[in-house]
Amino acid sequence: MADEIRAEMVANVWKVVASAGDTVAEGDTLVILESMKMEIPVLAESEGTVSELVVHEGDVVQEGDLIAVIG
């Protein structure tokens, strides 16, 4: 079953750490968001392979926007 990682707040995508095809463990950083001068890591909620990464550095995400899918 795929695990969808979604934004928890409005923020800028500051840095993309993972790529589609990467194997990740629970707790690995996928992207780093920036909001109000704070860096917020977005973590994998389960282990698996990143099947889709839909954000790019410089993007603005809204609360609930899809960031990545881990299969």
PDB file of N, CA and C in Angstrom:
ATOM      1  N   MET A   1       0.843  -1.182   0.000  1.00  0.00           N
ATOM      2  CA  MET A   1       0.000   0.000   0.000  1.00  0.00           C
ATOM      3  C   MET A   1       0.887   1.244   0.000  1.00  0.00           C
ATOM      4  N   ALA A   2       0.549   2.214  -0.817  1.00  0.00           N
ATOM      5  CA  ALA A   2       1.351   3.434  -0.923  1.00  0.00           C
ATOM      6  C   ALA A   2       1.050   4.376   0.236  1.00  0.00           C
ATOM      7  N   ASP A   3       2.083   5.060   0.672  1.00  0.00           N
ATOM      8  CA  ASP A   3       1.969   6.028   1.768  1.00  0.00           C
ATOM      9  C   ASP A   3       2.142   7.420   1.166  1.00  0.00           C
ATOM     10  N   GLU A   4       1.110   8.256   1.235  1.00  0.00           N
ATOM     11  CA  GLU A   4       1.183   9.619   0.708  1.00  0.00           C
ATOM     12  C   GLU A   4       1.683  10.562   1.787  1.00  0.00           C
ATOM     13  N   ILE A   5       2.703  11.337   1.455  1.00  0.00           N
ATOM     14  CA  ILE A   5       3.254  12.337   2.366  1.00  0.00           C
ATOM     15  C   ILE A   5       2.715  13.687   1.919  1.00  0.00           C
ATOM     16  N   ARG A   6       2.041  14.385   2.823  1.00  0.00           N
ATOM     17  CA  ARG A   6       1.395  15.652   2.486  1.00  0.00           C
ATOM     18  C   ARG A   6       1.928  16.782   3.372  1.00  0.00           C
ATOM     19  N   ALA A   7       1.852  17.994   2.849  1.00  0.00           N
ATOM     20  CA  ALA A   7       2.300  19.172   3.591  1.00  0.00           C
ATOM     21  C   ALA A   7       1.369  19.428   4.773  1.00  0.00           C
ATOM     22  N   GLU A   8       1.954  19.778   5.894  1.00  0.00           N
ATOM     23  CA  GLU A   8       1.171  20.074   7.091  1.00  0.00           C
ATOM     24  C   GLU A   8       0.915  21.570   7.262  1.00  0.00           C
ATOM     25  N   MET A   9       1.542  22.381   6.392  1.00  0.00           N
ATOM     26  CA  MET A   9       1.389  23.833   6.491  1.00  0.00           C
ATOM     27  C   MET A   9       1.750  24.472   5.157  1.00  0.00           C
ATOM     28  N   VAL A  10       1.428  25.739   5.016  1.00  0.00           N
ATOM     29  CA  VAL A  10       1.856  26.508   3.850  1.00  0.00           C
ATOM     30  C   VAL A  10       3.341  26.804   4.031  1.00  0.00           C
ATOM     31  N   ALA A  11       4.141  26.483   3.011  1.00  0.00           N
ATOM     32  CA  ALA A  11       5.591  26.678   3.126  1.00  0.00           C
ATOM     33  C   ALA A  11       6.227  26.662   1.739  1.00  0.00           C
ATOM     34  N   ASN A  12       7.474  27.104   1.689  1.00  0.00           N
ATOM     35  CA  ASN A  12       8.291  27.011   0.481  1.00  0.00           C
ATOM     36  C   ASN A  12       9.118  25.735   0.552  1.00  0.00           C
ATOM     37  N   VAL A  13       9.295  25.084  -0.596  1.00  0.00           N
ATOM     38  CA  VAL A  13      10.186  23.923  -0.651  1.00  0.00           C
ATOM     39  C   VAL A  13      11.595  24.477  -0.748  1.00  0.00           C
ATOM     40  N   TRP A  14      12.363  24.345   0.335  1.00  0.00           N
ATOM     41  CA  TRP A  14      13.709  24.913   0.391  1.00  0.00           C
ATOM     42  C   TRP A  14      14.721  23.966  -0.239  1.00  0.00           C
ATOM     43  N   LYS A  15      14.622  22.666   0.086  1.00  0.00           N
ATOM     44  CA  LYS A  15      15.586  21.705  -0.442  1.00  0.00           C
ATOM     45  C   LYS A  15      14.920  20.353  -0.624  1.00  0.00           C
ATOM     46  N   VAL A  16      15.180  19.725  -1.767  1.00  0.00           N
ATOM     47  CA  VAL A  16      14.704  18.369  -2.025  1.00  0.00           C
ATOM     48  C   VAL A  16      15.868  17.427  -1.743  1.00  0.00           C
ATOM     49  N   VAL A  17      15.668  16.492  -0.808  1.00  0.00           N
ATOM     50  CA  VAL A  17      16.742  15.594  -0.378  1.00  0.00           C
ATOM     51  C   VAL A  17      16.647  14.250  -1.089  1.00  0.00           C
ATOM     52  N   ALA A  18      15.436  13.720  -1.235  1.00  0.00           N
ATOM     53  CA  ALA A  18      15.237  12.404  -1.838  1.00  0.00           C
ATOM     54  C   ALA A  18      14.848  12.552  -3.307  1.00  0.00           C
ATOM     55  N   SER A  19      14.948  11.449  -4.037  1.00  0.00           N
ATOM     56  CA  SER A  19      14.544  11.407  -5.440  1.00  0.00           C
ATOM     57  C   SER A  19      13.666  10.193  -5.662  1.00  0.00           C
ATOM     58  N   ALA A  20      12.880  10.229  -6.724  1.00  0.00           N
ATOM     59  CA  ALA A  20      12.075   9.065  -7.089  1.00  0.00           C
ATOM     60  C   ALA A  20      13.021   7.886  -7.315  1.00  0.00           C
ATOM     61  N   GLY A  21      12.663   6.740  -6.762  1.00  0.00           N
ATOM     62  CA  GLY A  21      13.495   5.549  -6.881  1.00  0.00           C
ATOM     63  C   GLY A  21      14.377   5.300  -5.672  1.00  0.00           C
ATOM     64  N   ASP A  22      14.545   6.305  -4.811  1.00  0.00           N
ATOM     65  CA  ASP A  22      15.360   6.142  -3.603  1.00  0.00           C
ATOM     66  C   ASP A  22      14.658   5.219  -2.607  1.00  0.00           C
ATOM     67  N   THR A  23      15.435   4.395  -1.934  1.00  0.00           N
ATOM     68  CA  THR A  23      14.919   3.591  -0.830  1.00  0.00           C
ATOM     69  C   THR A  23      15.091   4.399   0.449  1.00  0.00           C
ATOM     70  N   VAL A  24      14.008   4.498   1.232  1.00  0.00           N
ATOM     71  CA  VAL A  24      14.042   5.291   2.459  1.00  0.00           C
ATOM     72  C   VAL A  24      13.573   4.454   3.646  1.00  0.00           C
ATOM     73  N   ALA A  25      14.037   4.835   4.812  1.00  0.00           N
ATOM     74  CA  ALA A  25      13.600   4.218   6.065  1.00  0.00           C
ATOM     75  C   ALA A  25      12.668   5.190   6.769  1.00  0.00           C
ATOM     76  N   GLU A  26      11.872   4.685   7.685  1.00  0.00           N
ATOM     77  CA  GLU A  26      11.001   5.547   8.475  1.00  0.00           C
ATOM     78  C   GLU A  26      11.850   6.600   9.178  1.00  0.00           C
ATOM     79  N   GLY A  27      11.471   7.868   9.046  1.00  0.00           N
ATOM     80  CA  GLY A  27      12.206   8.957   9.683  1.00  0.00           C
ATOM     81  C   GLY A  27      13.231   9.632   8.799  1.00  0.00           C
ATOM     82  N   ASP A  28      13.503   9.081   7.606  1.00  0.00           N
ATOM     83  CA  ASP A  28      14.438   9.739   6.679  1.00  0.00           C
ATOM     84  C   ASP A  28      13.823  11.039   6.163  1.00  0.00           C
ATOM     85  N   THR A  29      14.666  12.051   5.946  1.00  0.00           N
ATOM     86  CA  THR A  29      14.201  13.331   5.417  1.00  0.00           C
ATOM     87  C   THR A  29      13.999  13.229   3.912  1.00  0.00           C
ATOM     88  N   LEU A  30      12.822  13.660   3.446  1.00  0.00           N
ATOM     89  CA  LEU A  30      12.505  13.669   2.020  1.00  0.00           C
ATOM     90  C   LEU A  30      12.749  15.048   1.422  1.00  0.00           C
ATOM     91  N   VAL A  31      12.195  16.065   2.054  1.00  0.00           N
ATOM     92  CA  VAL A  31      12.388  17.455   1.632  1.00  0.00           C
ATOM     93  C   VAL A  31      12.470  18.324   2.880  1.00  0.00           C
ATOM     94  N   ILE A  32      12.974  19.527   2.698  1.00  0.00           N
ATOM     95  CA  ILE A  32      13.005  20.497   3.792  1.00  0.00           C
ATOM     96  C   ILE A  32      12.186  21.698   3.349  1.00  0.00           C
ATOM     97  N   LEU A  33      11.180  22.016   4.148  1.00  0.00           N
ATOM     98  CA  LEU A  33      10.337  23.173   3.883  1.00  0.00           C
ATOM     99  C   LEU A  33      10.857  24.362   4.677  1.00  0.00           C
ATOM    100  N   GLU A  34      10.515  25.567   4.210  1.00  0.00           N
ATOM    101  CA  GLU A  34      10.894  26.790   4.920  1.00  0.00           C
ATOM    102  C   GLU A  34       9.635  27.614   5.105  1.00  0.00           C
ATOM    103  N   SER A  35       9.392  27.997   6.347  1.00  0.00           N
ATOM    104  CA  SER A  35       8.250  28.847   6.655  1.00  0.00           C
ATOM    105  C   SER A  35       8.637  29.766   7.799  1.00  0.00           C
ATOM    106  N   MET A  36       8.447  31.064   7.606  1.00  0.00           N
ATOM    107  CA  MET A  36       8.773  32.066   8.625  1.00  0.00           C
ATOM    108  C   MET A  36      10.217  31.897   9.126  1.00  0.00           C
ATOM    109  N   LYS A  37      11.128  31.671   8.190  1.00  0.00           N
ATOM    110  CA  LYS A  37      12.569  31.550   8.452  1.00  0.00           C
ATOM    111  C   LYS A  37      12.933  30.309   9.269  1.00  0.00           C
ATOM    112  N   MET A  38      12.001  29.355   9.372  1.00  0.00           N
ATOM    113  CA  MET A  38      12.283  28.092  10.065  1.00  0.00           C
ATOM    114  C   MET A  38      12.362  26.986   9.027  1.00  0.00           C
ATOM    115  N   GLU A  39      13.306  26.064   9.217  1.00  0.00           N
ATOM    116  CA  GLU A  39      13.426  24.902   8.343  1.00  0.00           C
ATOM    117  C   GLU A  39      12.662  23.742   8.970  1.00  0.00           C
ATOM    118  N   ILE A  40      11.764  23.143   8.189  1.00  0.00           N
ATOM    119  CA  ILE A  40      10.933  22.056   8.690  1.00  0.00           C
ATOM    120  C   ILE A  40      11.180  20.825   7.826  1.00  0.00           C
ATOM    121  N   PRO A  41      11.800  19.786   8.374  1.00  0.00           N
ATOM    122  CA  PRO A  41      12.013  18.570   7.578  1.00  0.00           C
ATOM    123  C   PRO A  41      10.705  17.797   7.417  1.00  0.00           C
ATOM    124  N   VAL A  42      10.499  17.267   6.228  1.00  0.00           N
ATOM    125  CA  VAL A  42       9.368  16.383   5.962  1.00  0.00           C
ATOM    126  C   VAL A  42       9.944  14.972   5.934  1.00  0.00           C
ATOM    127  N   LEU A  43       9.462  14.126   6.834  1.00  0.00           N
ATOM    128  CA  LEU A  43      10.053  12.809   7.043  1.00  0.00           C
ATOM    129  C   LEU A  43       9.203  11.704   6.436  1.00  0.00           C
ATOM    130  N   ALA A  44       9.877  10.625   6.033  1.00  0.00           N
ATOM    131  CA  ALA A  44       9.178   9.425   5.574  1.00  0.00           C
ATOM    132  C   ALA A  44       8.457   8.810   6.765  1.00  0.00           C
ATOM    133  N   GLU A  45       7.207   8.455   6.567  1.00  0.00           N
ATOM    134  CA  GLU A  45       6.421   7.881   7.651  1.00  0.00           C
ATOM    135  C   GLU A  45       6.499   6.363   7.669  1.00  0.00           C
ATOM    136  N   SER A  46       7.126   5.783   6.650  1.00  0.00           N
ATOM    137  CA  SER A  46       7.308   4.338   6.581  1.00  0.00           C
ATOM    138  C   SER A  46       8.511   4.046   5.694  1.00  0.00           C
ATOM    139  N   GLU A  47       9.005   2.821   5.773  1.00  0.00           N
ATOM    140  CA  GLU A  47      10.115   2.466   4.888  1.00  0.00           C
ATOM    141  C   GLU A  47       9.558   2.018   3.551  1.00  0.00           C
ATOM    142  N   GLY A  48      10.366   2.174   2.521  1.00  0.00           N
ATOM    143  CA  GLY A  48       9.947   1.768   1.182  1.00  0.00           C
ATOM    144  C   GLY A  48      10.741   2.512   0.134  1.00  0.00           C
ATOM    145  N   THR A  49      10.199   2.567  -1.059  1.00  0.00           N
ATOM    146  CA  THR A  49      10.832   3.251  -2.179  1.00  0.00           C
ATOM    147  C   THR A  49       9.996   4.463  -2.557  1.00  0.00           C
ATOM    148  N   VAL A  50      10.673   5.582  -2.781  1.00  0.00           N
ATOM    149  CA  VAL A  50       9.977   6.797  -3.210  1.00  0.00           C
ATOM    150  C   VAL A  50       9.514   6.556  -4.647  1.00  0.00           C
ATOM    151  N   SER A  51       8.208   6.381  -4.822  1.00  0.00           N
ATOM    152  CA  SER A  51       7.688   6.116  -6.166  1.00  0.00           C
ATOM    153  C   SER A  51       7.365   7.400  -6.907  1.00  0.00           C
ATOM    154  N   GLU A  52       7.116   8.466  -6.164  1.00  0.00           N
ATOM    155  CA  GLU A  52       6.784   9.746  -6.794  1.00  0.00           C
ATOM    156  C   GLU A  52       7.192  10.875  -5.865  1.00  0.00           C
ATOM    157  N   LEU A  53       7.849  11.879  -6.417  1.00  0.00           N
ATOM    158  CA  LEU A  53       8.205  13.092  -5.671  1.00  0.00           C
ATOM    159  C   LEU A  53       7.679  14.246  -6.516  1.00  0.00           C
ATOM    160  N   VAL A  54       6.657  14.934  -6.029  1.00  0.00           N
ATOM    161  CA  VAL A  54       5.937  15.886  -6.878  1.00  0.00           C
ATOM    162  C   VAL A  54       6.316  17.346  -6.658  1.00  0.00           C
ATOM    163  N   VAL A  55       7.249  17.626  -5.766  1.00  0.00           N
ATOM    164  CA  VAL A  55       7.653  19.015  -5.522  1.00  0.00           C
ATOM    165  C   VAL A  55       9.074  19.256  -6.010  1.00  0.00           C
ATOM    166  N   HIS A  56       9.378  20.503  -6.257  1.00  0.00           N
ATOM    167  CA  HIS A  56      10.711  20.930  -6.681  1.00  0.00           C
ATOM    168  C   HIS A  56      11.150  22.092  -5.796  1.00  0.00           C
ATOM    169  N   GLU A  57      12.454  22.291  -5.694  1.00  0.00           N
ATOM    170  CA  GLU A  57      12.963  23.412  -4.907  1.00  0.00           C
ATOM    171  C   GLU A  57      12.377  24.711  -5.450  1.00  0.00           C
ATOM    172  N   GLY A  58      11.893  25.561  -4.533  1.00  0.00           N
ATOM    173  CA  GLY A  58      11.297  26.832  -4.908  1.00  0.00           C
ATOM    174  C   GLY A  58       9.781  26.787  -4.998  1.00  0.00           C
ATOM    175  N   ASP A  59       9.188  25.570  -5.033  1.00  0.00           N
ATOM    176  CA  ASP A  59       7.731  25.457  -5.060  1.00  0.00           C
ATOM    177  C   ASP A  59       7.135  25.964  -3.753  1.00  0.00           C
ATOM    178  N   VAL A  60       5.885  26.398  -3.814  1.00  0.00           N
ATOM    179  CA  VAL A  60       5.120  26.743  -2.621  1.00  0.00           C
ATOM    180  C   VAL A  60       4.051  25.673  -2.456  1.00  0.00           C
ATOM    181  N   VAL A  61       3.990  25.067  -1.267  1.00  0.00           N
ATOM    182  CA  VAL A  61       2.975  24.054  -0.992  1.00  0.00           C
ATOM    183  C   VAL A  61       1.954  24.623  -0.016  1.00  0.00           C
ATOM    184  N   GLN A  62       0.726  24.181  -0.205  1.00  0.00           N
ATOM    185  CA  GLN A  62      -0.375  24.546   0.692  1.00  0.00           C
ATOM    186  C   GLN A  62      -0.623  23.374   1.633  1.00  0.00           C
ATOM    187  N   GLU A  63      -1.258  23.629   2.738  1.00  0.00           N
ATOM    188  CA  GLU A  63      -1.590  22.570   3.682  1.00  0.00           C
ATOM    189  C   GLU A  63      -2.395  21.486   2.953  1.00  0.00           C
ATOM    190  N   GLY A  64      -1.934  20.246   3.061  1.00  0.00           N
ATOM    191  CA  GLY A  64      -2.614  19.111   2.436  1.00  0.00           C
ATOM    192  C   GLY A  64      -2.102  18.750   1.058  1.00  0.00           C
ATOM    193  N   ASP A  65      -1.228  19.572   0.469  1.00  0.00           N
ATOM    194  CA  ASP A  65      -0.674  19.257  -0.851  1.00  0.00           C
ATOM    195  C   ASP A  65       0.199  18.008  -0.783  1.00  0.00           C
ATOM    196  N   LEU A  66       0.134  17.201  -1.835  1.00  0.00           N
ATOM    197  CA  LEU A  66       0.958  15.997  -1.929  1.00  0.00           C
ATOM    198  C   LEU A  66       2.419  16.381  -2.153  1.00  0.00           C
ATOM    199  N   ILE A  67       3.300  15.785  -1.373  1.00  0.00           N
ATOM    200  CA  ILE A  67       4.728  16.009  -1.520  1.00  0.00           C
ATOM    201  C   ILE A  67       5.388  14.791  -2.169  1.00  0.00           C
ATOM    202  N   ALA A  68       5.087  13.602  -1.641  1.00  0.00           N
ATOM    203  CA  ALA A  68       5.719  12.387  -2.138  1.00  0.00           C
ATOM    204  C   ALA A  68       4.821  11.180  -1.889  1.00  0.00           C
ATOM    205  N   VAL A  69       5.114  10.119  -2.620  1.00  0.00           N
ATOM    206  CA  VAL A  69       4.442   8.840  -2.411  1.00  0.00           C
ATOM    207  C   VAL A  69       5.515   7.789  -2.201  1.00  0.00           C
ATOM    208  N   ILE A  70       5.362   7.029  -1.116  1.00  0.00           N
ATOM    209  CA  ILE A  70       6.304   5.944  -0.805  1.00  0.00           C
ATOM    210  C   ILE A  70       5.549   4.628  -0.973  1.00  0.00           C
ATOM    211  N   GLY A  71       6.084   3.763  -1.827  1.00  0.00           N
ATOM    212  CA  GLY A  71       5.432   2.482  -2.095  1.00  0.00           C
ATOM    213  C   GLY A  71       6.194   1.323  -1.517  1.00  0.00           C
TER     214      GLY A  71
END
